Amino acid sequence: MNFNSVLIGSDNPARLAEYYAKLFGKAGFEGDGYWGWMIGSGFISIGAHSEVKGSNQQPGRLILNIETPDVEGGARKWQDAGAIVVREPYEFEGAPGAWIATFADPDGNYLQLVSPMDMSGS
């Protein structure tokens, strides 16, 4: 299997698309009320969803993690672009050298910049 994409549903997708464009740059796809960005080998898209109204009442339920070797530098870049800071960069307990910075989008969804993870199992 291969992870393909995640769709962030919103009752105001244009507002989210404008926000994410500040963080990720111009959308690689835009059309029919949808926007999308390729992040590594996965795709993040935004669009209207009939079952989504207002802001996310449980933003920690699903968090988008985006790897970067420089969490602190990436966090500064996002902050300069107008990102909504939930938590400044911090070292993850139990994993020395692993850093995380948490942000929210205008709908209250969480996304994080994280240090690359060693998935080798060793």
PDB file of N, CA and C in Angstrom:
ATOM      1  N   MET A   1       0.832  -1.186   0.000  1.00  0.00           N
ATOM      2  CA  MET A   1       0.000   0.000   0.000  1.00  0.00           C
ATOM      3  C   MET A   1       0.877   1.250   0.000  1.00  0.00           C
ATOM      4  N   ASN A   2       0.272   2.360  -0.368  1.00  0.00           N
ATOM      5  CA  ASN A   2       0.947   3.646  -0.391  1.00  0.00           C
ATOM      6  C   ASN A   2      -0.045   4.713   0.055  1.00  0.00           C
ATOM      7  N   PHE A   3       0.364   5.527   1.018  1.00  0.00           N
ATOM      8  CA  PHE A   3      -0.482   6.648   1.422  1.00  0.00           C
ATOM      9  C   PHE A   3      -0.540   7.635   0.272  1.00  0.00           C
ATOM     10  N   ASN A   4      -1.749   8.026  -0.103  1.00  0.00           N
ATOM     11  CA  ASN A   4      -1.941   8.884  -1.250  1.00  0.00           C
ATOM     12  C   ASN A   4      -2.140  10.341  -0.862  1.00  0.00           C
ATOM     13  N   SER A   5      -3.158  10.612  -0.042  1.00  0.00           N
ATOM     14  CA  SER A   5      -3.482  12.009   0.229  1.00  0.00           C
ATOM     15  C   SER A   5      -4.402  12.129   1.431  1.00  0.00           C
ATOM     16  N   VAL A   6      -4.575  13.373   1.851  1.00  0.00           N
ATOM     17  CA  VAL A   6      -5.549  13.701   2.882  1.00  0.00           C
ATOM     18  C   VAL A   6      -6.335  14.905   2.371  1.00  0.00           C
ATOM     19  N   LEU A   7      -7.642  14.861   2.573  1.00  0.00           N
ATOM     20  CA  LEU A   7      -8.518  15.976   2.198  1.00  0.00           C
ATOM     21  C   LEU A   7      -8.949  16.674   3.482  1.00  0.00           C
ATOM     22  N   ILE A   8      -8.720  17.962   3.543  1.00  0.00           N
ATOM     23  CA  ILE A   8      -9.191  18.765   4.667  1.00  0.00           C
ATOM     24  C   ILE A   8     -10.482  19.426   4.224  1.00  0.00           C
ATOM     25  N   GLY A   9     -11.587  18.972   4.804  1.00  0.00           N
ATOM     26  CA  GLY A   9     -12.888  19.529   4.465  1.00  0.00           C
ATOM     27  C   GLY A   9     -13.148  20.808   5.236  1.00  0.00           C
ATOM     28  N   SER A  10     -13.866  21.733   4.617  1.00  0.00           N
ATOM     29  CA  SER A  10     -14.136  23.024   5.237  1.00  0.00           C
ATOM     30  C   SER A  10     -15.418  23.614   4.675  1.00  0.00           C
ATOM     31  N   ASP A  11     -16.051  24.467   5.470  1.00  0.00           N
ATOM     32  CA  ASP A  11     -17.172  25.228   4.931  1.00  0.00           C
ATOM     33  C   ASP A  11     -16.685  26.557   4.339  1.00  0.00           C
ATOM     34  N   ASN A  12     -15.371  26.792   4.405  1.00  0.00           N
ATOM     35  CA  ASN A  12     -14.758  27.963   3.798  1.00  0.00           C
ATOM     36  C   ASN A  12     -13.389  27.560   3.218  1.00  0.00           C
ATOM     37  N   PRO A  13     -13.394  26.701   2.188  1.00  0.00           N
ATOM     38  CA  PRO A  13     -12.123  26.186   1.670  1.00  0.00           C
ATOM     39  C   PRO A  13     -11.219  27.262   1.066  1.00  0.00           C
ATOM     40  N   ALA A  14     -11.772  28.316   0.515  1.00  0.00           N
ATOM     41  CA  ALA A  14     -10.930  29.358  -0.078  1.00  0.00           C
ATOM     42  C   ALA A  14     -10.064  30.021   0.996  1.00  0.00           C
ATOM     43  N   ARG A  15     -10.613  30.217   2.179  1.00  0.00           N
ATOM     44  CA  ARG A  15      -9.848  30.806   3.287  1.00  0.00           C
ATOM     45  C   ARG A  15      -8.696  29.873   3.682  1.00  0.00           C
ATOM     46  N   LEU A  16      -8.987  28.562   3.761  1.00  0.00           N
ATOM     47  CA  LEU A  16      -7.926  27.609   4.100  1.00  0.00           C
ATOM     48  C   LEU A  16      -6.865  27.558   3.010  1.00  0.00           C
ATOM     49  N   ALA A  17      -7.293  27.579   1.758  1.00  0.00           N
ATOM     50  CA  ALA A  17      -6.340  27.532   0.645  1.00  0.00           C
ATOM     51  C   ALA A  17      -5.401  28.736   0.689  1.00  0.00           C
ATOM     52  N   GLU A  18      -5.921  29.889   1.004  1.00  0.00           N
ATOM     53  CA  GLU A  18      -5.094  31.094   1.114  1.00  0.00           C
ATOM     54  C   GLU A  18      -4.073  30.930   2.249  1.00  0.00           C
ATOM     55  N   TYR A  19      -4.515  30.391   3.363  1.00  0.00           N
ATOM     56  CA  TYR A  19      -3.631  30.162   4.516  1.00  0.00           C
ATOM     57  C   TYR A  19      -2.525  29.168   4.163  1.00  0.00           C
ATOM     58  N   TYR A  20      -2.911  28.013   3.614  1.00  0.00           N
ATOM     59  CA  TYR A  20      -1.921  26.987   3.288  1.00  0.00           C
ATOM     60  C   TYR A  20      -0.962  27.445   2.193  1.00  0.00           C
ATOM     61  N   ALA A  21      -1.408  28.288   1.284  1.00  0.00           N
ATOM     62  CA  ALA A  21      -0.511  28.820   0.251  1.00  0.00           C
ATOM     63  C   ALA A  21       0.591  29.668   0.886  1.00  0.00           C
ATOM     64  N   LYS A  22       0.303  30.331   1.996  1.00  0.00           N
ATOM     65  CA  LYS A  22       1.336  31.098   2.700  1.00  0.00           C
ATOM     66  C   LYS A  22       2.396  30.170   3.284  1.00  0.00           C
ATOM     67  N   LEU A  23       1.985  28.962   3.686  1.00  0.00           N
ATOM     68  CA  LEU A  23       2.924  28.013   4.287  1.00  0.00           C
ATOM     69  C   LEU A  23       3.650  27.175   3.251  1.00  0.00           C
ATOM     70  N   PHE A  24       2.908  26.684   2.228  1.00  0.00           N
ATOM     71  CA  PHE A  24       3.450  25.718   1.276  1.00  0.00           C
ATOM     72  C   PHE A  24       3.788  26.312  -0.087  1.00  0.00           C
ATOM     73  N   GLY A  25       3.362  27.539  -0.347  1.00  0.00           N
ATOM     74  CA  GLY A  25       3.539  28.128  -1.671  1.00  0.00           C
ATOM     75  C   GLY A  25       2.300  27.890  -2.529  1.00  0.00           C
ATOM     76  N   LYS A  26       2.378  28.288  -3.778  1.00  0.00           N
ATOM     77  CA  LYS A  26       1.243  28.152  -4.694  1.00  0.00           C
ATOM     78  C   LYS A  26       0.800  26.696  -4.790  1.00  0.00           C
ATOM     79  N   ALA A  27      -0.499  26.495  -4.772  1.00  0.00           N
ATOM     80  CA  ALA A  27      -1.049  25.147  -4.885  1.00  0.00           C
ATOM     81  C   ALA A  27      -0.627  24.509  -6.197  1.00  0.00           C
ATOM     82  N   GLY A  28      -0.278  23.239  -6.145  1.00  0.00           N
ATOM     83  CA  GLY A  28       0.072  22.502  -7.351  1.00  0.00           C
ATOM     84  C   GLY A  28      -1.150  22.139  -8.163  1.00  0.00           C
ATOM     85  N   PHE A  29      -2.303  22.124  -7.488  1.00  0.00           N
ATOM     86  CA  PHE A  29      -3.576  21.850  -8.148  1.00  0.00           C
ATOM     87  C   PHE A  29      -4.594  22.846  -7.629  1.00  0.00           C
ATOM     88  N   GLU A  30      -5.379  23.400  -8.535  1.00  0.00           N
ATOM     89  CA  GLU A  30      -6.474  24.281  -8.157  1.00  0.00           C
ATOM     90  C   GLU A  30      -7.561  24.156  -9.204  1.00  0.00           C
ATOM     91  N   GLY A  31      -8.782  23.828  -8.744  1.00  0.00           N
ATOM     92  CA  GLY A  31      -9.894  23.744  -9.670  1.00  0.00           C
ATOM     93  C   GLY A  31     -11.140  23.196  -9.019  1.00  0.00           C
ATOM     94  N   ASP A  32     -12.283  23.642  -9.480  1.00  0.00           N
ATOM     95  CA  ASP A  32     -13.584  23.173  -9.007  1.00  0.00           C
ATOM     96  C   ASP A  32     -13.730  23.284  -7.492  1.00  0.00           C
ATOM     97  N   GLY A  33     -13.145  24.326  -6.891  1.00  0.00           N
ATOM     98  CA  GLY A  33     -13.271  24.536  -5.457  1.00  0.00           C
ATOM     99  C   GLY A  33     -12.345  23.687  -4.613  1.00  0.00           C
ATOM    100  N   TYR A  34     -11.309  23.111  -5.232  1.00  0.00           N
ATOM    101  CA  TYR A  34     -10.316  22.304  -4.528  1.00  0.00           C
ATOM    102  C   TYR A  34      -8.922  22.856  -4.792  1.00  0.00           C
ATOM    103  N   TRP A  35      -8.052  22.714  -3.798  1.00  0.00           N
ATOM    104  CA  TRP A  35      -6.661  23.114  -3.898  1.00  0.00           C
ATOM    105  C   TRP A  35      -5.829  21.972  -3.348  1.00  0.00           C
ATOM    106  N   GLY A  36      -4.602  21.805  -3.855  1.00  0.00           N
ATOM    107  CA  GLY A  36      -3.771  20.726  -3.349  1.00  0.00           C
ATOM    108  C   GLY A  36      -2.293  20.999  -3.490  1.00  0.00           C
ATOM    109  N   TRP A  37      -1.526  20.430  -2.568  1.00  0.00           N
ATOM    110  CA  TRP A  37      -0.080  20.569  -2.529  1.00  0.00           C
ATOM    111  C   TRP A  37       0.555  19.198  -2.351  1.00  0.00           C
ATOM    112  N   MET A  38       1.584  18.923  -3.124  1.00  0.00           N
ATOM    113  CA  MET A  38       2.380  17.719  -2.937  1.00  0.00           C
ATOM    114  C   MET A  38       3.408  18.041  -1.859  1.00  0.00           C
ATOM    115  N   ILE A  39       3.395  17.262  -0.792  1.00  0.00           N
ATOM    116  CA  ILE A  39       4.344  17.418   0.302  1.00  0.00           C
ATOM    117  C   ILE A  39       5.091  16.085   0.389  1.00  0.00           C
ATOM    118  N   GLY A  40       6.321  16.050  -0.063  1.00  0.00           N
ATOM    119  CA  GLY A  40       7.045  14.779  -0.129  1.00  0.00           C
ATOM    120  C   GLY A  40       6.336  13.862  -1.109  1.00  0.00           C
ATOM    121  N   SER A  41       5.954  12.677  -0.652  1.00  0.00           N
ATOM    122  CA  SER A  41       5.254  11.747  -1.537  1.00  0.00           C
ATOM    123  C   SER A  41       3.753  11.709  -1.276  1.00  0.00           C
ATOM    124  N   GLY A  42       3.259  12.576  -0.418  1.00  0.00           N
ATOM    125  CA  GLY A  42       1.822  12.644  -0.134  1.00  0.00           C
ATOM    126  C   GLY A  42       1.228  13.954  -0.612  1.00  0.00           C
ATOM    127  N   PHE A  43      -0.076  13.987  -0.708  1.00  0.00           N
ATOM    128  CA  PHE A  43      -0.792  15.145  -1.229  1.00  0.00           C
ATOM    129  C   PHE A  43      -1.762  15.647  -0.168  1.00  0.00           C
ATOM    130  N   ILE A  44      -1.757  16.944   0.086  1.00  0.00           N
ATOM    131  CA  ILE A  44      -2.719  17.580   0.982  1.00  0.00           C
ATOM    132  C   ILE A  44      -3.660  18.392   0.120  1.00  0.00           C
ATOM    133  N   SER A  45      -4.947  18.125   0.255  1.00  0.00           N
ATOM    134  CA  SER A  45      -5.921  18.890  -0.515  1.00  0.00           C
ATOM    135  C   SER A  45      -6.958  19.499   0.414  1.00  0.00           C
ATOM    136  N   ILE A  46      -7.589  20.551  -0.087  1.00  0.00           N
ATOM    137  CA  ILE A  46      -8.608  21.292   0.646  1.00  0.00           C
ATOM    138  C   ILE A  46      -9.814  21.437  -0.259  1.00  0.00           C
ATOM    139  N   GLY A  47     -10.986  21.249   0.310  1.00  0.00           N
ATOM    140  CA  GLY A  47     -12.205  21.429  -0.457  1.00  0.00           C
ATOM    141  C   GLY A  47     -13.417  21.507   0.452  1.00  0.00           C
ATOM    142  N   ALA A  48     -14.521  21.904  -0.115  1.00  0.00           N
ATOM    143  CA  ALA A  48     -15.775  21.975   0.643  1.00  0.00           C
ATOM    144  C   ALA A  48     -16.239  20.564   0.994  1.00  0.00           C
ATOM    145  N   HIS A  49     -16.883  20.449   2.144  1.00  0.00           N
ATOM    146  CA  HIS A  49     -17.467  19.168   2.547  1.00  0.00           C
ATOM    147  C   HIS A  49     -18.793  19.474   3.222  1.00  0.00           C
ATOM    148  N   SER A  50     -19.844  18.822   2.767  1.00  0.00           N
ATOM    149  CA  SER A  50     -21.200  19.112   3.242  1.00  0.00           C
ATOM    150  C   SER A  50     -21.391  18.822   4.730  1.00  0.00           C
ATOM    151  N   GLU A  51     -20.557  17.970   5.318  1.00  0.00           N
ATOM    152  CA  GLU A  51     -20.725  17.610   6.725  1.00  0.00           C
ATOM    153  C   GLU A  51     -19.820  18.403   7.662  1.00  0.00           C
ATOM    154  N   VAL A  52     -19.119  19.407   7.126  1.00  0.00           N
ATOM    155  CA  VAL A  52     -18.212  20.209   7.942  1.00  0.00           C
ATOM    156  C   VAL A  52     -18.781  21.616   8.090  1.00  0.00           C
ATOM    157  N   LYS A  53     -18.934  22.031   9.345  1.00  0.00           N
ATOM    158  CA  LYS A  53     -19.416  23.383   9.651  1.00  0.00           C
ATOM    159  C   LYS A  53     -18.574  23.956  10.781  1.00  0.00           C
ATOM    160  N   GLY A  54     -18.133  25.196  10.624  1.00  0.00           N
ATOM    161  CA  GLY A  54     -17.411  25.878  11.691  1.00  0.00           C
ATOM    162  C   GLY A  54     -16.022  25.319  11.927  1.00  0.00           C
ATOM    163  N   SER A  55     -15.502  25.632  13.128  1.00  0.00           N
ATOM    164  CA  SER A  55     -14.140  25.214  13.440  1.00  0.00           C
ATOM    165  C   SER A  55     -14.107  23.820  14.062  1.00  0.00           C
ATOM    166  N   ASN A  56     -12.944  23.205  14.001  1.00  0.00           N
ATOM    167  CA  ASN A  56     -12.721  21.864  14.527  1.00  0.00           C
ATOM    168  C   ASN A  56     -12.774  21.914  16.056  1.00  0.00           C
ATOM    169  N   GLN A  57     -13.684  21.167  16.655  1.00  0.00           N
ATOM    170  CA  GLN A  57     -13.834  21.153  18.110  1.00  0.00           C
ATOM    171  C   GLN A  57     -12.876  20.181  18.787  1.00  0.00           C
ATOM    172  N   GLN A  58     -12.218  19.315  18.025  1.00  0.00           N
ATOM    173  CA  GLN A  58     -11.246  18.364  18.561  1.00  0.00           C
ATOM    174  C   GLN A  58     -10.002  18.342  17.674  1.00  0.00           C
ATOM    175  N   PRO A  59      -9.238  19.432  17.667  1.00  0.00           N
ATOM    176  CA  PRO A  59      -8.124  19.541  16.721  1.00  0.00           C
ATOM    177  C   PRO A  59      -7.017  18.520  16.929  1.00  0.00           C
ATOM    178  N   GLY A  60      -6.908  17.929  18.101  1.00  0.00           N
ATOM    179  CA  GLY A  60      -5.864  16.948  18.335  1.00  0.00           C
ATOM    180  C   GLY A  60      -6.204  15.552  17.858  1.00  0.00           C
ATOM    181  N   ARG A  61      -7.430  15.354  17.379  1.00  0.00           N
ATOM    182  CA  ARG A  61      -7.853  14.022  16.932  1.00  0.00           C
ATOM    183  C   ARG A  61      -7.041  13.548  15.719  1.00  0.00           C
ATOM    184  N   LEU A  62      -6.766  14.429  14.795  1.00  0.00           N
ATOM    185  CA  LEU A  62      -5.984  14.108  13.600  1.00  0.00           C
ATOM    186  C   LEU A  62      -5.006  15.256  13.382  1.00  0.00           C
ATOM    187  N   ILE A  63      -3.726  14.949  13.386  1.00  0.00           N
ATOM    188  CA  ILE A  63      -2.697  15.977  13.234  1.00  0.00           C
ATOM    189  C   ILE A  63      -1.837  15.629  12.027  1.00  0.00           C
ATOM    190  N   LEU A  64      -1.661  16.582  11.144  1.00  0.00           N
ATOM    191  CA  LEU A  64      -0.792  16.395   9.984  1.00  0.00           C
ATOM    192  C   LEU A  64       0.646  16.687  10.404  1.00  0.00           C
ATOM    193  N   ASN A  65       1.536  15.722  10.240  1.00  0.00           N
ATOM    194  CA  ASN A  65       2.947  15.895  10.564  1.00  0.00           C
ATOM    195  C   ASN A  65       3.749  16.037   9.282  1.00  0.00           C
ATOM    196  N   ILE A  66       4.533  17.087   9.220  1.00  0.00           N
ATOM    197  CA  ILE A  66       5.351  17.364   8.048  1.00  0.00           C
ATOM    198  C   ILE A  66       6.803  17.396   8.494  1.00  0.00           C
ATOM    199  N   GLU A  67       7.595  16.480   7.931  1.00  0.00           N
ATOM    200  CA  GLU A  67       8.995  16.374   8.321  1.00  0.00           C
ATOM    201  C   GLU A  67       9.846  17.484   7.732  1.00  0.00           C
ATOM    202  N   THR A  68      10.793  17.930   8.557  1.00  0.00           N
ATOM    203  CA  THR A  68      11.816  18.861   8.114  1.00  0.00           C
ATOM    204  C   THR A  68      13.041  18.656   8.994  1.00  0.00           C
ATOM    205  N   PRO A  69      14.232  18.734   8.425  1.00  0.00           N
ATOM    206  CA  PRO A  69      15.425  18.588   9.253  1.00  0.00           C
ATOM    207  C   PRO A  69      15.676  19.806  10.145  1.00  0.00           C
ATOM    208  N   ASP A  70      14.967  20.900   9.890  1.00  0.00           N
ATOM    209  CA  ASP A  70      15.159  22.135  10.656  1.00  0.00           C
ATOM    210  C   ASP A  70      13.805  22.634  11.163  1.00  0.00           C
ATOM    211  N   VAL A  71      13.319  22.020  12.233  1.00  0.00           N
ATOM    212  CA  VAL A  71      12.007  22.388  12.788  1.00  0.00           C
ATOM    213  C   VAL A  71      11.995  23.846  13.225  1.00  0.00           C
ATOM    214  N   GLU A  72      13.040  24.279  13.915  1.00  0.00           N
ATOM    215  CA  GLU A  72      13.070  25.662  14.406  1.00  0.00           C
ATOM    216  C   GLU A  72      13.071  26.668  13.254  1.00  0.00           C
ATOM    217  N   GLY A  73      13.884  26.411  12.225  1.00  0.00           N
ATOM    218  CA  GLY A  73      13.914  27.306  11.066  1.00  0.00           C
ATOM    219  C   GLY A  73      12.605  27.293  10.304  1.00  0.00           C
ATOM    220  N   GLY A  74      12.024  26.099  10.132  1.00  0.00           N
ATOM    221  CA  GLY A  74      10.728  25.990   9.460  1.00  0.00           C
ATOM    222  C   GLY A  74       9.634  26.691  10.239  1.00  0.00           C
ATOM    223  N   ALA A  75       9.689  26.576  11.563  1.00  0.00           N
ATOM    224  CA  ALA A  75       8.683  27.238  12.398  1.00  0.00           C
ATOM    225  C   ALA A  75       8.784  28.751  12.263  1.00  0.00           C
ATOM    226  N   ARG A  76      10.009  29.276  12.248  1.00  0.00           N
ATOM    227  CA  ARG A  76      10.180  30.728  12.060  1.00  0.00           C
ATOM    228  C   ARG A  76       9.618  31.174  10.708  1.00  0.00           C
ATOM    229  N   LYS A  77       9.901  30.371   9.672  1.00  0.00           N
ATOM    230  CA  LYS A  77       9.405  30.697   8.332  1.00  0.00           C
ATOM    231  C   LYS A  77       7.871  30.716   8.321  1.00  0.00           C
ATOM    232  N   TRP A  78       7.258  29.700   8.924  1.00  0.00           N
ATOM    233  CA  TRP A  78       5.793  29.653   8.975  1.00  0.00           C
ATOM    234  C   TRP A  78       5.238  30.811   9.805  1.00  0.00           C
ATOM    235  N   GLN A  79       5.877  31.117  10.925  1.00  0.00           N
ATOM    236  CA  GLN A  79       5.409  32.234  11.750  1.00  0.00           C
ATOM    237  C   GLN A  79       5.484  33.537  10.969  1.00  0.00           C
ATOM    238  N   ASP A  80       6.582  33.746  10.245  1.00  0.00           N
ATOM    239  CA  ASP A  80       6.724  34.947   9.423  1.00  0.00           C
ATOM    240  C   ASP A  80       5.655  35.016   8.341  1.00  0.00           C
ATOM    241  N   ALA A  81       5.166  33.853   7.896  1.00  0.00           N
ATOM    242  CA  ALA A  81       4.121  33.793   6.864  1.00  0.00           C
ATOM    243  C   ALA A  81       2.723  33.959   7.458  1.00  0.00           C
ATOM    244  N   GLY A  82       2.634  34.041   8.788  1.00  0.00           N
ATOM    245  CA  GLY A  82       1.333  34.249   9.422  1.00  0.00           C
ATOM    246  C   GLY A  82       0.702  32.999  10.014  1.00  0.00           C
ATOM    247  N   ALA A  83       1.494  31.942  10.216  1.00  0.00           N
ATOM    248  CA  ALA A  83       0.953  30.708  10.786  1.00  0.00           C
ATOM    249  C   ALA A  83       0.437  30.950  12.203  1.00  0.00           C
ATOM    250  N   ILE A  84      -0.595  30.222  12.565  1.00  0.00           N
ATOM    251  CA  ILE A  84      -1.188  30.303  13.895  1.00  0.00           C
ATOM    252  C   ILE A  84      -0.435  29.328  14.792  1.00  0.00           C
ATOM    253  N   VAL A  85       0.329  29.853  15.743  1.00  0.00           N
ATOM    254  CA  VAL A  85       1.166  29.032  16.615  1.00  0.00           C
ATOM    255  C   VAL A  85       0.335  28.468  17.764  1.00  0.00           C
ATOM    256  N   VAL A  86       0.403  27.152  17.915  1.00  0.00           N
ATOM    257  CA  VAL A  86      -0.200  26.479  19.068  1.00  0.00           C
ATOM    258  C   VAL A  86       0.882  26.212  20.105  1.00  0.00           C
ATOM    259  N   ARG A  87       2.030  25.732  19.640  1.00  0.00           N
ATOM    260  CA  ARG A  87       3.156  25.481  20.535  1.00  0.00           C
ATOM    261  C   ARG A  87       4.460  25.697  19.781  1.00  0.00           C
ATOM    262  N   GLU A  88       5.323  26.516  20.378  1.00  0.00           N
ATOM    263  CA  GLU A  88       6.649  26.793  19.820  1.00  0.00           C
ATOM    264  C   GLU A  88       7.443  25.483  19.739  1.00  0.00           C
ATOM    265  N   PRO A  89       8.518  25.457  18.941  1.00  0.00           N
ATOM    266  CA  PRO A  89       9.319  24.238  18.840  1.00  0.00           C
ATOM    267  C   PRO A  89       9.789  23.744  20.210  1.00  0.00           C
ATOM    268  N   TYR A  90       9.699  22.436  20.394  1.00  0.00           N
ATOM    269  CA  TYR A  90      10.138  21.809  21.637  1.00  0.00           C
ATOM    270  C   TYR A  90      10.700  20.431  21.324  1.00  0.00           C
ATOM    271  N   GLU A  91      11.584  19.975  22.201  1.00  0.00           N
ATOM    272  CA  GLU A  91      12.169  18.650  22.044  1.00  0.00           C
ATOM    273  C   GLU A  91      11.206  17.625  22.622  1.00  0.00           C
ATOM    274  N   PHE A  92      10.921  16.603  21.832  1.00  0.00           N
ATOM    275  CA  PHE A  92       9.949  15.577  22.211  1.00  0.00           C
ATOM    276  C   PHE A  92      10.499  14.719  23.347  1.00  0.00           C
ATOM    277  N   GLU A  93       9.729  14.597  24.417  1.00  0.00           N
ATOM    278  CA  GLU A  93      10.130  13.764  25.554  1.00  0.00           C
ATOM    279  C   GLU A  93      10.346  12.327  25.111  1.00  0.00           C
ATOM    280  N   GLY A  94      11.396  11.719  25.578  1.00  0.00           N
ATOM    281  CA  GLY A  94      11.650  10.322  25.263  1.00  0.00           C
ATOM    282  C   GLY A  94      12.332  10.089  23.928  1.00  0.00           C
ATOM    283  N   ALA A  95      12.558  11.156  23.166  1.00  0.00           N
ATOM    284  CA  ALA A  95      13.242  11.023  21.873  1.00  0.00           C
ATOM    285  C   ALA A  95      14.204  12.202  21.714  1.00  0.00           C
ATOM    286  N   PRO A  96      15.335  12.148  22.412  1.00  0.00           N
ATOM    287  CA  PRO A  96      16.291  13.255  22.333  1.00  0.00           C
ATOM    288  C   PRO A  96      16.658  13.592  20.885  1.00  0.00           C
ATOM    289  N   GLY A  97      16.664  14.881  20.596  1.00  0.00           N
ATOM    290  CA  GLY A  97      16.985  15.338  19.249  1.00  0.00           C
ATOM    291  C   GLY A  97      15.796  15.422  18.313  1.00  0.00           C
ATOM    292  N   ALA A  98      14.644  14.919  18.753  1.00  0.00           N
ATOM    293  CA  ALA A  98      13.417  15.004  17.932  1.00  0.00           C
ATOM    294  C   ALA A  98      12.653  16.255  18.333  1.00  0.00           C
ATOM    295  N   TRP A  99      12.391  17.101  17.359  1.00  0.00           N
ATOM    296  CA  TRP A  99      11.723  18.381  17.625  1.00  0.00           C
ATOM    297  C   TRP A  99      10.348  18.422  16.980  1.00  0.00           C
ATOM    298  N   ILE A 100       9.450  19.182  17.596  1.00  0.00           N
ATOM    299  CA  ILE A 100       8.072  19.355  17.104  1.00  0.00           C
ATOM    300  C   ILE A 100       7.672  20.807  17.304  1.00  0.00           C
ATOM    301  N   ALA A 101       6.935  21.356  16.372  1.00  0.00           N
ATOM    302  CA  ALA A 101       6.289  22.664  16.510  1.00  0.00           C
ATOM    303  C   ALA A 101       4.858  22.488  16.021  1.00  0.00           C
ATOM    304  N   THR A 102       3.901  22.972  16.788  1.00  0.00           N
ATOM    305  CA  THR A 102       2.487  22.753  16.466  1.00  0.00           C
ATOM    306  C   THR A 102       1.814  24.059  16.051  1.00  0.00           C
ATOM    307  N   PHE A 103       1.038  23.957  14.982  1.00  0.00           N
ATOM    308  CA  PHE A 103       0.317  25.099  14.426  1.00  0.00           C
ATOM    309  C   PHE A 103      -1.141  24.715  14.205  1.00  0.00           C
ATOM    310  N   ALA A 104      -1.976  25.702  13.991  1.00  0.00           N
ATOM    311  CA  ALA A 104      -3.378  25.472  13.657  1.00  0.00           C
ATOM    312  C   ALA A 104      -3.686  26.229  12.375  1.00  0.00           C
ATOM    313  N   ASP A 105      -4.689  25.746  11.644  1.00  0.00           N
ATOM    314  CA  ASP A 105      -5.170  26.505  10.491  1.00  0.00           C
ATOM    315  C   ASP A 105      -6.408  27.295  10.928  1.00  0.00           C
ATOM    316  N   PRO A 106      -6.962  28.144  10.075  1.00  0.00           N
ATOM    317  CA  PRO A 106      -8.103  28.960  10.479  1.00  0.00           C
ATOM    318  C   PRO A 106      -9.350  28.174  10.888  1.00  0.00           C
ATOM    319  N   ASP A 107      -9.439  26.897  10.505  1.00  0.00           N
ATOM    320  CA  ASP A 107     -10.563  26.055  10.937  1.00  0.00           C
ATOM    321  C   ASP A 107     -10.256  25.325  12.239  1.00  0.00           C
ATOM    322  N   GLY A 108      -9.053  25.521  12.782  1.00  0.00           N
ATOM    323  CA  GLY A 108      -8.679  24.889  14.041  1.00  0.00           C
ATOM    324  C   GLY A 108      -8.019  23.532  13.894  1.00  0.00           C
ATOM    325  N   ASN A 109      -7.736  23.083  12.670  1.00  0.00           N
ATOM    326  CA  ASN A 109      -7.041  21.813  12.460  1.00  0.00           C
ATOM    327  C   ASN A 109      -5.566  21.989  12.810  1.00  0.00           C
ATOM    328  N   TYR A 110      -4.965  20.953  13.390  1.00  0.00           N
ATOM    329  CA  TYR A 110      -3.556  21.018  13.764  1.00  0.00           C
ATOM    330  C   TYR A 110      -2.656  20.439  12.683  1.00  0.00           C
ATOM    331  N   LEU A 111      -1.490  21.055  12.537  1.00  0.00           N
ATOM    332  CA  LEU A 111      -0.420  20.521  11.720  1.00  0.00           C
ATOM    333  C   LEU A 111       0.876  20.803  12.449  1.00  0.00           C
ATOM    334  N   GLN A 112       1.832  19.912  12.283  1.00  0.00           N
ATOM    335  CA  GLN A 112       3.085  20.037  13.003  1.00  0.00           C
ATOM    336  C   GLN A 112       4.271  19.898  12.062  1.00  0.00           C
ATOM    337  N   LEU A 113       5.308  20.631  12.377  1.00  0.00           N
ATOM    338  CA  LEU A 113       6.612  20.391  11.782  1.00  0.00           C
ATOM    339  C   LEU A 113       7.318  19.457  12.738  1.00  0.00           C
ATOM    340  N   VAL A 114       7.903  18.377  12.203  1.00  0.00           N
ATOM    341  CA  VAL A 114       8.564  17.380  13.043  1.00  0.00           C
ATOM    342  C   VAL A 114       9.918  17.011  12.456  1.00  0.00           C
ATOM    343  N   SER A 115      10.826  16.631  13.343  1.00  0.00           N
ATOM    344  CA  SER A 115      12.118  16.110  12.904  1.00  0.00           C
ATOM    345  C   SER A 115      11.897  14.813  12.131  1.00  0.00           C
ATOM    346  N   PRO A 116      12.774  14.524  11.168  1.00  0.00           N
ATOM    347  CA  PRO A 116      12.672  13.243  10.456  1.00  0.00           C
ATOM    348  C   PRO A 116      12.717  12.074  11.443  1.00  0.00           C
ATOM    349  N   MET A 117      11.912  11.062  11.168  1.00  0.00           N
ATOM    350  CA  MET A 117      11.829   9.884  12.029  1.00  0.00           C
ATOM    351  C   MET A 117      12.628   8.746  11.432  1.00  0.00           C
ATOM    352  N   ASP A 118      13.324   8.026  12.295  1.00  0.00           N
ATOM    353  CA  ASP A 118      14.033   6.826  11.869  1.00  0.00           C
ATOM    354  C   ASP A 118      13.049   5.665  11.897  1.00  0.00           C
ATOM    355  N   MET A 119      12.627   5.211  10.731  1.00  0.00           N
ATOM    356  CA  MET A 119      11.638   4.135  10.631  1.00  0.00           C
ATOM    357  C   MET A 119      12.291   2.784  10.352  1.00  0.00           C
ATOM    358  N   SER A 120      13.614   2.711  10.559  1.00  0.00           N
ATOM    359  CA  SER A 120      14.329   1.467  10.255  1.00  0.00           C
ATOM    360  C   SER A 120      14.099   0.379  11.305  1.00  0.00           C
ATOM    361  N   GLY A 121      13.623   0.777  12.479  1.00  0.00           N
ATOM    362  CA  GLY A 121      13.366  -0.204  13.523  1.00  0.00           C
ATOM    363  C   GLY A 121      14.592  -0.540  14.335  1.00  0.00           C
ATOM    364  N   SER A 122      15.701   0.108  14.067  1.00  0.00           N
ATOM    365  CA  SER A 122      16.906  -0.190  14.845  1.00  0.00           C
ATOM    366  C   SER A 122      17.218   0.895  15.835  1.00  0.00           C
TER     367      SER A 122
END
